[in-house]
């Protein structure tokens, strides 16, 4: 998907971040080694920060357009 609209690009990135949160959460649930589980839980936290950052920016951009 090619787009030059920054909000569309951020929405696409947001969906990828949300998918990463889901995937890492699942991996954490099934990890047998505690250190691996902890790593995936850490990655979930990092991706959740990215989700918030992108969502806040999208909201800001959309509100400016109104």
PDB file of N, CA and C in Angstrom:
ATOM      1  N   UNK A   1       0.846  -1.175   0.000  1.00  0.00           N
ATOM      2  CA  UNK A   1       0.000   0.000   0.000  1.00  0.00           C
ATOM      3  C   UNK A   1       0.892   1.239   0.000  1.00  0.00           C
ATOM      4  N   UNK A   2       0.769   2.029  -1.052  1.00  0.00           N
ATOM      5  CA  UNK A   2       1.564   3.246  -1.144  1.00  0.00           C
ATOM      6  C   UNK A   2       0.675   4.432  -0.836  1.00  0.00           C
ATOM      7  N   UNK A   3       1.149   5.273   0.072  1.00  0.00           N
ATOM      8  CA  UNK A   3       0.385   6.451   0.449  1.00  0.00           C
ATOM      9  C   UNK A   3       1.322   7.585   0.792  1.00  0.00           C
ATOM     10  N   UNK A   4       0.880   8.780   0.534  1.00  0.00           N
ATOM     11  CA  UNK A   4       1.688   9.939   0.898  1.00  0.00           C
ATOM     12  C   UNK A   4       1.039  10.714   2.036  1.00  0.00           C
ATOM     13  N   UNK A   5      -0.084  10.214   2.517  1.00  0.00           N
ATOM     14  CA  UNK A   5      -0.792  10.852   3.615  1.00  0.00           C
ATOM     15  C   UNK A   5      -0.156  10.413   4.940  1.00  0.00           C
ATOM     16  N   UNK A   6       0.415  11.359   5.695  1.00  0.00           N
ATOM     17  CA  UNK A   6       1.098  10.985   6.943  1.00  0.00           C
ATOM     18  C   UNK A   6       0.201  10.268   7.950  1.00  0.00           C
ATOM     19  N   UNK A   7      -1.056  10.648   8.032  1.00  0.00           N
ATOM     20  CA  UNK A   7      -1.960  10.000   8.981  1.00  0.00           C
ATOM     21  C   UNK A   7      -2.183   8.541   8.582  1.00  0.00           C
ATOM     22  N   UNK A   8      -2.310   8.280   7.290  1.00  0.00           N
ATOM     23  CA  UNK A   8      -2.474   6.896   6.844  1.00  0.00           C
ATOM     24  C   UNK A   8      -1.233   6.063   7.167  1.00  0.00           C
ATOM     25  N   UNK A   9      -0.079   6.667   6.999  1.00  0.00           N
ATOM     26  CA  UNK A   9       1.173   5.967   7.327  1.00  0.00           C
ATOM     27  C   UNK A   9       1.215   5.656   8.826  1.00  0.00           C
ATOM     28  N   UNK A  10       0.821   6.630   9.646  1.00  0.00           N
ATOM     29  CA  UNK A  10       0.808   6.401  11.098  1.00  0.00           C
ATOM     30  C   UNK A  10      -0.212   5.339  11.474  1.00  0.00           C
ATOM     31  N   UNK A  11      -1.354   5.313  10.806  1.00  0.00           N
ATOM     32  CA  UNK A  11      -2.364   4.277  11.086  1.00  0.00           C
ATOM     33  C   UNK A  11      -1.837   2.893  10.726  1.00  0.00           C
ATOM     34  N   UNK A  12      -1.135   2.813   9.616  1.00  0.00           N
ATOM     35  CA  UNK A  12      -0.544   1.540   9.208  1.00  0.00           C
ATOM     36  C   UNK A  12       0.493   1.094  10.258  1.00  0.00           C
ATOM     37  N   UNK A  13       1.319   2.026  10.709  1.00  0.00           N
ATOM     38  CA  UNK A  13       2.313   1.712  11.740  1.00  0.00           C
ATOM     39  C   UNK A  13       1.631   1.296  13.042  1.00  0.00           C
ATOM     40  N   UNK A  14       0.543   1.966  13.380  1.00  0.00           N
ATOM     41  CA  UNK A  14      -0.206   1.648  14.594  1.00  0.00           C
ATOM     42  C   UNK A  14      -0.703   0.205  14.553  1.00  0.00           C
ATOM     43  N   UNK A  15      -1.242  -0.213  13.419  1.00  0.00           N
ATOM     44  CA  UNK A  15      -1.727  -1.591  13.298  1.00  0.00           C
ATOM     45  C   UNK A  15      -0.582  -2.599  13.446  1.00  0.00           C
ATOM     46  N   UNK A  16       0.566  -2.266  12.913  1.00  0.00           N
ATOM     47  CA  UNK A  16       1.727  -3.162  13.055  1.00  0.00           C
ATOM     48  C   UNK A  16       2.168  -3.259  14.513  1.00  0.00           C
ATOM     49  N   UNK A  17       2.140  -2.130  15.220  1.00  0.00           N
ATOM     50  CA  UNK A  17       2.516  -2.130  16.639  1.00  0.00           C
ATOM     51  C   UNK A  17       1.519  -2.963  17.454  1.00  0.00           C
ATOM     52  N   UNK A  18       0.236  -2.813  17.152  1.00  0.00           N
ATOM     53  CA  UNK A  18      -0.782  -3.590  17.861  1.00  0.00           C
ATOM     54  C   UNK A  18      -0.600  -5.082  17.597  1.00  0.00           C
ATOM     55  N   UNK A  19      -0.260  -5.432  16.371  1.00  0.00           N
ATOM     56  CA  UNK A  19      -0.014  -6.840  16.035  1.00  0.00           C
ATOM     57  C   UNK A  19       1.190  -7.363  16.814  1.00  0.00           C
ATOM     58  N   UNK A  20       2.212  -6.538  16.956  1.00  0.00           N
ATOM     59  CA  UNK A  20       3.401  -6.942  17.718  1.00  0.00           C
ATOM     60  C   UNK A  20       3.037  -7.183  19.177  1.00  0.00           C
ATOM     61  N   UNK A  21       2.187  -6.323  19.747  1.00  0.00           N
ATOM     62  CA  UNK A  21       1.741  -6.512  21.132  1.00  0.00           C
ATOM     63  C   UNK A  21       1.035  -7.863  21.261  1.00  0.00           C
ATOM     64  N   UNK A  22       0.135  -8.156  20.331  1.00  0.00           N
ATOM     65  CA  UNK A  22      -0.582  -9.444  20.374  1.00  0.00           C
ATOM     66  C   UNK A  22       0.383 -10.617  20.250  1.00  0.00           C
ATOM     67  N   UNK A  23       1.283 -10.523  19.287  1.00  0.00           N
ATOM     68  CA  UNK A  23       2.220 -11.632  19.062  1.00  0.00           C
ATOM     69  C   UNK A  23       3.128 -11.843  20.266  1.00  0.00           C
ATOM     70  N   UNK A  24       3.731 -10.779  20.752  1.00  0.00           N
ATOM     71  CA  UNK A  24       4.643 -10.907  21.893  1.00  0.00           C
ATOM     72  C   UNK A  24       3.905 -11.403  23.134  1.00  0.00           C
ATOM     73  N   UNK A  25       2.657 -10.983  23.313  1.00  0.00           N
ATOM     74  CA  UNK A  25       1.867 -11.465  24.456  1.00  0.00           C
ATOM     75  C   UNK A  25       1.652 -12.968  24.357  1.00  0.00           C
ATOM     76  N   UNK A  26       1.324 -13.433  23.164  1.00  0.00           N
ATOM     77  CA  UNK A  26       1.141 -14.877  22.958  1.00  0.00           C
ATOM     78  C   UNK A  26       2.441 -15.635  23.195  1.00  0.00           C
ATOM     79  N   UNK A  27       3.544 -15.110  22.679  1.00  0.00           N
ATOM     80  CA  UNK A  27       4.839 -15.764  22.876  1.00  0.00           C
ATOM     81  C   UNK A  27       5.184 -15.832  24.360  1.00  0.00           C
ATOM     82  N   UNK A  28       4.857 -14.771  25.106  1.00  0.00           N
ATOM     83  CA  UNK A  28       5.140 -14.760  26.546  1.00  0.00           C
ATOM     84  C   UNK A  28       4.331 -15.837  27.264  1.00  0.00           C
ATOM     85  N   UNK A  29       3.089 -16.020  26.837  1.00  0.00           N
ATOM     86  CA  UNK A  29       2.230 -17.027  27.469  1.00  0.00           C
ATOM     87  C   UNK A  29       2.751 -18.442  27.258  1.00  0.00           C
ATOM     88  N   UNK A  30       3.367 -18.675  26.111  1.00  0.00           N
ATOM     89  CA  UNK A  30       3.790 -20.033  25.786  1.00  0.00           C
ATOM     90  C   UNK A  30       5.270 -20.303  26.074  1.00  0.00           C
ATOM     91  N   UNK A  31       6.011 -19.260  26.438  1.00  0.00           N
ATOM     92  CA  UNK A  31       7.445 -19.437  26.699  1.00  0.00           C
ATOM     93  C   UNK A  31       7.647 -20.321  27.933  1.00  0.00           C
ATOM     94  N   UNK A  32       8.497 -21.288  27.790  1.00  0.00           N
ATOM     95  CA  UNK A  32       8.773 -22.191  28.912  1.00  0.00           C
ATOM     96  C   UNK A  32       9.861 -21.636  29.835  1.00  0.00           C
ATOM     97  N   UNK A  33      10.796 -20.916  29.269  1.00  0.00           N
ATOM     98  CA  UNK A  33      11.891 -20.366  30.072  1.00  0.00           C
ATOM     99  C   UNK A  33      11.508 -18.987  30.610  1.00  0.00           C
ATOM    100  N   UNK A  34      11.676 -18.773  31.912  1.00  0.00           N
ATOM    101  CA  UNK A  34      11.318 -17.480  32.502  1.00  0.00           C
ATOM    102  C   UNK A  34      12.033 -16.291  31.845  1.00  0.00           C
ATOM    103  N   UNK A  35      13.296 -16.458  31.480  1.00  0.00           N
ATOM    104  CA  UNK A  35      14.019 -15.331  30.878  1.00  0.00           C
ATOM    105  C   UNK A  35      13.432 -14.957  29.511  1.00  0.00           C
ATOM    106  N   UNK A  36      12.980 -15.950  28.773  1.00  0.00           N
ATOM    107  CA  UNK A  36      12.350 -15.695  27.471  1.00  0.00           C
ATOM    108  C   UNK A  36      10.999 -15.024  27.686  1.00  0.00           C
ATOM    109  N   UNK A  37      10.231 -15.515  28.649  1.00  0.00           N
ATOM    110  CA  UNK A  37       8.938 -14.915  28.973  1.00  0.00           C
ATOM    111  C   UNK A  37       9.128 -13.449  29.358  1.00  0.00           C
ATOM    112  N   UNK A  38      10.107 -13.172  30.202  1.00  0.00           N
ATOM    113  CA  UNK A  38      10.376 -11.795  30.633  1.00  0.00           C
ATOM    114  C   UNK A  38      10.759 -10.902  29.455  1.00  0.00           C
ATOM    115  N   UNK A  39      11.543 -11.444  28.531  1.00  0.00           N
ATOM    116  CA  UNK A  39      11.932 -10.670  27.362  1.00  0.00           C
ATOM    117  C   UNK A  39      10.697 -10.279  26.551  1.00  0.00           C
ATOM    118  N   UNK A  40       9.792 -11.248  26.312  1.00  0.00           N
ATOM    119  CA  UNK A  40       8.594 -10.935  25.543  1.00  0.00           C
ATOM    120  C   UNK A  40       7.695  -9.957  26.287  1.00  0.00           C
ATOM    121  N   UNK A  41       7.596 -10.078  27.592  1.00  0.00           N
ATOM    122  CA  UNK A  41       6.791  -9.135  28.360  1.00  0.00           C
ATOM    123  C   UNK A  41       7.386  -7.728  28.286  1.00  0.00           C
ATOM    124  N   UNK A  42       8.690  -7.635  28.299  1.00  0.00           N
ATOM    125  CA  UNK A  42       9.364  -6.345  28.123  1.00  0.00           C
ATOM    126  C   UNK A  42       9.029  -5.764  26.740  1.00  0.00           C
ATOM    127  N   UNK A  43       9.093  -6.608  25.721  1.00  0.00           N
ATOM    128  CA  UNK A  43       8.784  -6.147  24.365  1.00  0.00           C
ATOM    129  C   UNK A  43       7.331  -5.682  24.255  1.00  0.00           C
ATOM    130  N   UNK A  44       6.421  -6.360  24.953  1.00  0.00           N
ATOM    131  CA  UNK A  44       5.022  -5.926  24.977  1.00  0.00           C
ATOM    132  C   UNK A  44       4.938  -4.506  25.531  1.00  0.00           C
ATOM    133  N   UNK A  45       5.628  -4.252  26.630  1.00  0.00           N
ATOM    134  CA  UNK A  45       5.602  -2.910  27.236  1.00  0.00           C
ATOM    135  C   UNK A  45       6.146  -1.855  26.278  1.00  0.00           C
ATOM    136  N   UNK A  46       7.222  -2.180  25.589  1.00  0.00           N
ATOM    137  CA  UNK A  46       7.806  -1.234  24.640  1.00  0.00           C
ATOM    138  C   UNK A  46       6.846  -0.960  23.486  1.00  0.00           C
ATOM    139  N   UNK A  47       6.240  -2.008  22.950  1.00  0.00           N
ATOM    140  CA  UNK A  47       5.311  -1.837  21.836  1.00  0.00           C
ATOM    141  C   UNK A  47       4.072  -1.051  22.273  1.00  0.00           C
ATOM    142  N   UNK A  48       3.626  -1.258  23.505  1.00  0.00           N
ATOM    143  CA  UNK A  48       2.485  -0.496  24.023  1.00  0.00           C
ATOM    144  C   UNK A  48       2.802   0.997  24.088  1.00  0.00           C
ATOM    145  N   UNK A  49       4.048   1.336  24.387  1.00  0.00           N
ATOM    146  CA  UNK A  49       4.464   2.753  24.356  1.00  0.00           C
ATOM    147  C   UNK A  49       4.350   3.300  22.939  1.00  0.00           C
ATOM    148  N   UNK A  50       4.750   2.495  21.967  1.00  0.00           N
ATOM    149  CA  UNK A  50       4.673   2.922  20.566  1.00  0.00           C
ATOM    150  C   UNK A  50       3.219   3.098  20.135  1.00  0.00           C
ATOM    151  N   UNK A  51       2.350   2.181  20.598  1.00  0.00           N
ATOM    152  CA  UNK A  51       0.927   2.280  20.281  1.00  0.00           C
ATOM    153  C   UNK A  51       0.384   3.604  20.806  1.00  0.00           C
ATOM    154  N   UNK A  52       0.698   3.928  22.053  1.00  0.00           N
ATOM    155  CA  UNK A  52       0.203   5.172  22.645  1.00  0.00           C
ATOM    156  C   UNK A  52       0.743   6.386  21.899  1.00  0.00           C
ATOM    157  N   UNK A  53       2.026   6.377  21.604  1.00  0.00           N
ATOM    158  CA  UNK A  53       2.645   7.490  20.889  1.00  0.00           C
ATOM    159  C   UNK A  53       1.968   7.718  19.536  1.00  0.00           C
ATOM    160  N   UNK A  54       1.797   6.658  18.782  1.00  0.00           N
ATOM    161  CA  UNK A  54       1.173   6.774  17.466  1.00  0.00           C
ATOM    162  C   UNK A  54      -0.292   7.191  17.578  1.00  0.00           C
ATOM    163  N   UNK A  55      -1.032   6.597  18.521  1.00  0.00           N
ATOM    164  CA  UNK A  55      -2.440   6.946  18.668  1.00  0.00           C
ATOM    165  C   UNK A  55      -2.596   8.407  19.064  1.00  0.00           C
ATOM    166  N   UNK A  56      -1.756   8.877  19.972  1.00  0.00           N
ATOM    167  CA  UNK A  56      -1.814  10.282  20.378  1.00  0.00           C
ATOM    168  C   UNK A  56      -1.536  11.205  19.195  1.00  0.00           C
ATOM    169  N   UNK A  57      -0.565  10.851  18.393  1.00  0.00           N
ATOM    170  CA  UNK A  57      -0.216  11.682  17.237  1.00  0.00           C
ATOM    171  C   UNK A  57      -1.330  11.662  16.186  1.00  0.00           C
ATOM    172  N   UNK A  58      -1.904  10.501  15.955  1.00  0.00           N
ATOM    173  CA  UNK A  58      -3.028  10.405  15.012  1.00  0.00           C
ATOM    174  C   UNK A  58      -4.188  11.267  15.508  1.00  0.00           C
ATOM    175  N   UNK A  59      -4.517  11.145  16.788  1.00  0.00           N
ATOM    176  CA  UNK A  59      -5.603  11.939  17.349  1.00  0.00           C
ATOM    177  C   UNK A  59      -5.336  13.430  17.195  1.00  0.00           C
ATOM    178  N   UNK A  60      -4.111  13.838  17.449  1.00  0.00           N
ATOM    179  CA  UNK A  60      -3.723  15.244  17.333  1.00  0.00           C
ATOM    180  C   UNK A  60      -3.890  15.720  15.885  1.00  0.00           C
ATOM    181  N   UNK A  61      -3.426  14.918  14.941  1.00  0.00           N
ATOM    182  CA  UNK A  61      -3.522  15.288  13.522  1.00  0.00           C
ATOM    183  C   UNK A  61      -4.969  15.357  13.057  1.00  0.00           C
ATOM    184  N   UNK A  62      -5.770  14.387  13.460  1.00  0.00           N
ATOM    185  CA  UNK A  62      -7.179  14.341  13.049  1.00  0.00           C
ATOM    186  C   UNK A  62      -7.923  15.535  13.644  1.00  0.00           C
ATOM    187  N   UNK A  63      -7.632  15.859  14.892  1.00  0.00           N
ATOM    188  CA  UNK A  63      -8.306  17.005  15.526  1.00  0.00           C
ATOM    189  C   UNK A  63      -7.922  18.322  14.864  1.00  0.00           C
ATOM    190  N   UNK A  64      -6.704  18.427  14.345  1.00  0.00           N
ATOM    191  CA  UNK A  64      -6.267  19.644  13.640  1.00  0.00           C
ATOM    192  C   UNK A  64      -7.011  19.811  12.320  1.00  0.00           C
ATOM    193  N   UNK A  65      -7.375  18.666  11.704  1.00  0.00           N
ATOM    194  CA  UNK A  65      -8.057  18.709  10.422  1.00  0.00           C
ATOM    195  C   UNK A  65      -9.511  19.148  10.550  1.00  0.00           C
ATOM    196  N   UNK A  66     -10.071  19.049  11.738  1.00  0.00           N
ATOM    197  CA  UNK A  66     -11.493  19.372  11.939  1.00  0.00           C
ATOM    198  C   UNK A  66     -11.724  20.850  12.027  1.00  0.00           C
TER     199      UNK A  66
END
